[in-house]
Amino acid sequence: MIRFSVPIDIGIIAATTSGAFALATPLRVDELLTIAVCQALGPHAPPDKRDRSVRTTLAGFRAGRFVVDIDGRIFDRADAVVVASGVVTLRFYSTEPHRRPLPAA
Protein backbone atom coordinates (compact mmCIF):
# COMPACT_ATOMS: atom_id res chain seq x y z
CA MET A 1 0.00 0.00 0.00
CA ILE A 2 1.31 3.43 -0.95
CA ARG A 3 -0.23 6.68 0.26
CA PHE A 4 0.61 10.13 -1.10
CA SER A 5 -0.85 13.61 -1.47
CA VAL A 6 -2.46 14.43 -4.79
CA PRO A 7 -0.72 17.28 -6.61
CA ILE A 8 -2.92 20.24 -7.52
CA ASP A 9 -2.57 21.43 -11.13
CA ILE A 10 -2.47 25.23 -10.86
CA GLY A 11 -2.34 25.50 -14.67
CA ILE A 12 -5.74 23.84 -15.09
CA ILE A 13 -7.25 26.03 -12.37
CA ALA A 14 -5.96 29.17 -14.09
CA ALA A 15 -6.92 28.01 -17.60
CA THR A 16 -10.46 27.00 -16.70
CA THR A 17 -11.02 29.59 -13.97
CA SER A 18 -12.76 26.83 -12.06
CA GLY A 19 -12.25 26.37 -8.34
CA ALA A 20 -13.49 22.78 -8.63
CA PHE A 21 -10.04 21.67 -9.79
CA ALA A 22 -8.58 23.05 -6.54
CA LEU A 23 -10.71 20.55 -4.62
CA ALA A 24 -10.28 17.49 -6.85
CA THR A 25 -7.74 16.72 -9.54
CA PRO A 26 -8.44 14.40 -12.49
CA LEU A 27 -5.42 12.15 -13.09
CA ARG A 28 -4.84 9.16 -15.32
CA VAL A 29 -3.99 5.88 -13.63
CA ASP A 30 -0.56 5.77 -15.27
CA GLU A 31 0.23 9.20 -13.76
CA LEU A 32 -0.79 7.96 -10.31
CA LEU A 33 1.37 4.84 -10.75
CA THR A 34 4.34 7.02 -11.69
CA ILE A 35 3.85 9.19 -8.61
CA ALA A 36 3.46 6.08 -6.41
CA VAL A 37 6.67 4.46 -7.70
CA CYS A 38 8.64 7.67 -7.18
CA GLN A 39 7.16 8.02 -3.69
CA ALA A 40 8.07 4.42 -2.82
CA LEU A 41 11.66 4.86 -4.00
CA GLY A 42 12.13 8.10 -2.08
CA PRO A 43 13.71 11.40 -3.01
CA HIS A 44 17.29 10.09 -2.94
CA ALA A 45 16.81 7.35 -5.54
CA PRO A 46 19.06 7.72 -8.57
CA PRO A 47 17.18 9.04 -11.62
CA ASP A 48 18.08 6.00 -13.75
CA LYS A 49 16.66 3.62 -11.13
CA ARG A 50 13.51 5.72 -10.86
CA ASP A 51 13.07 5.69 -14.66
CA ARG A 52 13.62 1.92 -14.90
CA SER A 53 11.20 1.26 -12.04
CA VAL A 54 8.48 3.44 -13.58
CA ARG A 55 8.94 1.81 -17.02
CA THR A 56 8.83 -1.71 -15.54
CA THR A 57 5.77 -0.96 -13.40
CA LEU A 58 3.83 0.59 -16.28
CA ALA A 59 4.79 -2.27 -18.61
CA GLY A 60 3.61 -4.85 -16.05
CA PHE A 61 0.36 -2.97 -15.52
CA ARG A 62 -0.35 -2.68 -19.26
CA ALA A 63 0.49 -6.38 -19.69
CA GLY A 64 -2.14 -7.25 -17.08
CA ARG A 65 0.23 -8.69 -14.46
CA PHE A 66 -1.53 -6.70 -11.73
CA VAL A 67 -4.46 -4.38 -11.11
CA VAL A 68 -4.51 -1.30 -8.89
CA ASP A 69 -6.98 -0.41 -6.16
CA ILE A 70 -7.17 3.37 -5.90
CA ASP A 71 -9.22 4.49 -2.92
CA GLY A 72 -11.40 1.40 -3.09
CA ARG A 73 -11.89 1.22 -6.87
CA ILE A 74 -10.13 -1.39 -9.01
CA PHE A 75 -8.45 -0.21 -12.23
CA ASP A 76 -6.92 -2.32 -14.99
CA ARG A 77 -6.42 0.35 -17.68
CA ALA A 78 -3.61 2.90 -17.67
CA ASP A 79 -5.70 5.49 -19.52
CA ALA A 80 -8.60 5.45 -17.02
CA VAL A 81 -9.16 8.75 -15.23
CA VAL A 82 -9.43 9.05 -11.45
CA VAL A 83 -10.75 12.19 -9.77
CA ALA A 84 -8.71 12.41 -6.59
CA SER A 85 -8.34 14.84 -3.74
CA GLY A 86 -6.28 15.02 -0.60
CA VAL A 87 -4.46 11.75 0.00
CA VAL A 88 -4.67 8.78 -2.38
CA THR A 89 -4.16 5.16 -1.33
CA LEU A 90 -2.91 2.67 -3.92
CA ARG A 91 -2.87 -1.09 -3.46
CA PHE A 92 -1.41 -3.49 -6.00
CA TYR A 93 -3.02 -6.89 -6.62
CA SER A 94 -1.40 -9.57 -8.75
CA THR A 95 -3.52 -11.20 -11.42
CA GLU A 96 -1.16 -14.16 -11.70
CA PRO A 97 -1.77 -17.30 -9.64
CA HIS A 98 0.26 -17.55 -6.45
CA ARG A 99 0.78 -21.28 -6.75
CA ARG A 100 1.55 -23.10 -9.90
CA PRO A 101 0.15 -26.61 -10.32
CA LEU A 102 2.61 -29.45 -9.90
CA PRO A 103 3.56 -31.29 -13.08
CA ALA A 104 1.77 -34.61 -13.63
CA ALA A 105 3.80 -37.62 -12.53
C-alpha atoms as a PDB file:
ATOM      1  CA  MET A   1       0.000   0.000   0.000  1.00  0.00           C
ATOM      2  CA  ILE A   2       1.312   3.427  -0.947  1.00  0.00           C
ATOM      3  CA  ARG A   3      -0.234   6.685   0.264  1.00  0.00           C
ATOM      4  CA  PHE A   4       0.607  10.127  -1.100  1.00  0.00           C
ATOM      5  CA  SER A   5      -0.853  13.615  -1.475  1.00  0.00           C
ATOM      6  CA  VAL A   6      -2.464  14.434  -4.790  1.00  0.00           C
ATOM      7  CA  PRO A   7      -0.721  17.277  -6.614  1.00  0.00           C
ATOM      8  CA  ILE A   8      -2.918  20.242  -7.522  1.00  0.00           C
ATOM      9  CA  ASP A   9      -2.570  21.434 -11.125  1.00  0.00           C
ATOM     10  CA  ILE A  10      -2.475  25.226 -10.864  1.00  0.00           C
ATOM     11  CA  GLY A  11      -2.340  25.503 -14.671  1.00  0.00           C
ATOM     12  CA  ILE A  12      -5.744  23.844 -15.087  1.00  0.00           C
ATOM     13  CA  ILE A  13      -7.252  26.029 -12.372  1.00  0.00           C
ATOM     14  CA  ALA A  14      -5.964  29.171 -14.088  1.00  0.00           C
ATOM     15  CA  ALA A  15      -6.923  28.014 -17.604  1.00  0.00           C
ATOM     16  CA  THR A  16     -10.462  26.998 -16.702  1.00  0.00           C
ATOM     17  CA  THR A  17     -11.016  29.594 -13.969  1.00  0.00           C
ATOM     18  CA  SER A  18     -12.762  26.831 -12.056  1.00  0.00           C
ATOM     19  CA  GLY A  19     -12.249  26.374  -8.344  1.00  0.00           C
ATOM     20  CA  ALA A  20     -13.492  22.784  -8.635  1.00  0.00           C
ATOM     21  CA  PHE A  21     -10.042  21.671  -9.793  1.00  0.00           C
ATOM     22  CA  ALA A  22      -8.578  23.048  -6.545  1.00  0.00           C
ATOM     23  CA  LEU A  23     -10.714  20.547  -4.616  1.00  0.00           C
ATOM     24  CA  ALA A  24     -10.283  17.489  -6.848  1.00  0.00           C
ATOM     25  CA  THR A  25      -7.740  16.716  -9.542  1.00  0.00           C
ATOM     26  CA  PRO A  26      -8.436  14.403 -12.494  1.00  0.00           C
ATOM     27  CA  LEU A  27      -5.416  12.147 -13.088  1.00  0.00           C
ATOM     28  CA  ARG A  28      -4.840   9.162 -15.317  1.00  0.00           C
ATOM     29  CA  VAL A  29      -3.991   5.883 -13.631  1.00  0.00           C
ATOM     30  CA  ASP A  30      -0.555   5.773 -15.270  1.00  0.00           C
ATOM     31  CA  GLU A  31       0.234   9.196 -13.761  1.00  0.00           C
ATOM     32  CA  LEU A  32      -0.788   7.955 -10.314  1.00  0.00           C
ATOM     33  CA  LEU A  33       1.368   4.838 -10.747  1.00  0.00           C
ATOM     34  CA  THR A  34       4.341   7.018 -11.692  1.00  0.00           C
ATOM     35  CA  ILE A  35       3.849   9.188  -8.606  1.00  0.00           C
ATOM     36  CA  ALA A  36       3.464   6.083  -6.410  1.00  0.00           C
ATOM     37  CA  VAL A  37       6.673   4.459  -7.700  1.00  0.00           C
ATOM     38  CA  CYS A  38       8.645   7.672  -7.184  1.00  0.00           C
ATOM     39  CA  GLN A  39       7.163   8.018  -3.688  1.00  0.00           C
ATOM     40  CA  ALA A  40       8.074   4.417  -2.817  1.00  0.00           C
ATOM     41  CA  LEU A  41      11.664   4.860  -4.002  1.00  0.00           C
ATOM     42  CA  GLY A  42      12.127   8.097  -2.084  1.00  0.00           C
ATOM     43  CA  PRO A  43      13.715  11.399  -3.013  1.00  0.00           C
ATOM     44  CA  HIS A  44      17.293  10.091  -2.939  1.00  0.00           C
ATOM     45  CA  ALA A  45      16.810   7.348  -5.536  1.00  0.00           C
ATOM     46  CA  PRO A  46      19.056   7.725  -8.572  1.00  0.00           C
ATOM     47  CA  PRO A  47      17.178   9.043 -11.622  1.00  0.00           C
ATOM     48  CA  ASP A  48      18.076   5.997 -13.750  1.00  0.00           C
ATOM     49  CA  LYS A  49      16.663   3.618 -11.130  1.00  0.00           C
ATOM     50  CA  ARG A  50      13.512   5.719 -10.861  1.00  0.00           C
ATOM     51  CA  ASP A  51      13.069   5.691 -14.660  1.00  0.00           C
ATOM     52  CA  ARG A  52      13.616   1.922 -14.897  1.00  0.00           C
ATOM     53  CA  SER A  53      11.197   1.260 -12.044  1.00  0.00           C
ATOM     54  CA  VAL A  54       8.483   3.441 -13.580  1.00  0.00           C
ATOM     55  CA  ARG A  55       8.944   1.811 -17.022  1.00  0.00           C
ATOM     56  CA  THR A  56       8.835  -1.705 -15.536  1.00  0.00           C
ATOM     57  CA  THR A  57       5.775  -0.960 -13.402  1.00  0.00           C
ATOM     58  CA  LEU A  58       3.829   0.594 -16.276  1.00  0.00           C
ATOM     59  CA  ALA A  59       4.786  -2.270 -18.612  1.00  0.00           C
ATOM     60  CA  GLY A  60       3.613  -4.852 -16.055  1.00  0.00           C
ATOM     61  CA  PHE A  61       0.357  -2.967 -15.519  1.00  0.00           C
ATOM     62  CA  ARG A  62      -0.346  -2.675 -19.264  1.00  0.00           C
ATOM     63  CA  ALA A  63       0.489  -6.384 -19.690  1.00  0.00           C
ATOM     64  CA  GLY A  64      -2.140  -7.248 -17.078  1.00  0.00           C
ATOM     65  CA  ARG A  65       0.227  -8.692 -14.464  1.00  0.00           C
ATOM     66  CA  PHE A  66      -1.534  -6.705 -11.733  1.00  0.00           C
ATOM     67  CA  VAL A  67      -4.463  -4.379 -11.110  1.00  0.00           C
ATOM     68  CA  VAL A  68      -4.511  -1.302  -8.893  1.00  0.00           C
ATOM     69  CA  ASP A  69      -6.980  -0.414  -6.162  1.00  0.00           C
ATOM     70  CA  ILE A  70      -7.171   3.375  -5.903  1.00  0.00           C
ATOM     71  CA  ASP A  71      -9.219   4.489  -2.918  1.00  0.00           C
ATOM     72  CA  GLY A  72     -11.401   1.400  -3.087  1.00  0.00           C
ATOM     73  CA  ARG A  73     -11.890   1.216  -6.871  1.00  0.00           C
ATOM     74  CA  ILE A  74     -10.132  -1.389  -9.013  1.00  0.00           C
ATOM     75  CA  PHE A  75      -8.453  -0.208 -12.231  1.00  0.00           C
ATOM     76  CA  ASP A  76      -6.921  -2.321 -14.991  1.00  0.00           C
ATOM     77  CA  ARG A  77      -6.422   0.346 -17.676  1.00  0.00           C
ATOM     78  CA  ALA A  78      -3.608   2.900 -17.674  1.00  0.00           C
ATOM     79  CA  ASP A  79      -5.697   5.492 -19.518  1.00  0.00           C
ATOM     80  CA  ALA A  80      -8.598   5.447 -17.024  1.00  0.00           C
ATOM     81  CA  VAL A  81      -9.156   8.749 -15.228  1.00  0.00           C
ATOM     82  CA  VAL A  82      -9.432   9.051 -11.453  1.00  0.00           C
ATOM     83  CA  VAL A  83     -10.754  12.187  -9.773  1.00  0.00           C
ATOM     84  CA  ALA A  84      -8.712  12.414  -6.594  1.00  0.00           C
ATOM     85  CA  SER A  85      -8.344  14.844  -3.738  1.00  0.00           C
ATOM     86  CA  GLY A  86      -6.276  15.017  -0.598  1.00  0.00           C
ATOM     87  CA  VAL A  87      -4.458  11.746   0.004  1.00  0.00           C
ATOM     88  CA  VAL A  88      -4.674   8.783  -2.383  1.00  0.00           C
ATOM     89  CA  THR A  89      -4.158   5.164  -1.332  1.00  0.00           C
ATOM     90  CA  LEU A  90      -2.906   2.665  -3.923  1.00  0.00           C
ATOM     91  CA  ARG A  91      -2.871  -1.090  -3.463  1.00  0.00           C
ATOM     92  CA  PHE A  92      -1.407  -3.486  -6.004  1.00  0.00           C
ATOM     93  CA  TYR A  93      -3.018  -6.891  -6.620  1.00  0.00           C
ATOM     94  CA  SER A  94      -1.396  -9.571  -8.746  1.00  0.00           C
ATOM     95  CA  THR A  95      -3.523 -11.203 -11.417  1.00  0.00           C
ATOM     96  CA  GLU A  96      -1.159 -14.156 -11.702  1.00  0.00           C
ATOM     97  CA  PRO A  97      -1.770 -17.303  -9.642  1.00  0.00           C
ATOM     98  CA  HIS A  98       0.263 -17.547  -6.445  1.00  0.00           C
ATOM     99  CA  ARG A  99       0.780 -21.277  -6.751  1.00  0.00           C
ATOM    100  CA  ARG A 100       1.551 -23.101  -9.896  1.00  0.00           C
ATOM    101  CA  PRO A 101       0.147 -26.610 -10.320  1.00  0.00           C
ATOM    102  CA  LEU A 102       2.608 -29.451  -9.902  1.00  0.00           C
ATOM    103  CA  PRO A 103       3.556 -31.294 -13.080  1.00  0.00           C
ATOM    104  CA  ALA A 104       1.766 -34.606 -13.633  1.00  0.00           C
ATOM    105  CA  ALA A 105       3.805 -37.615 -12.532  1.00  0.00           C
END
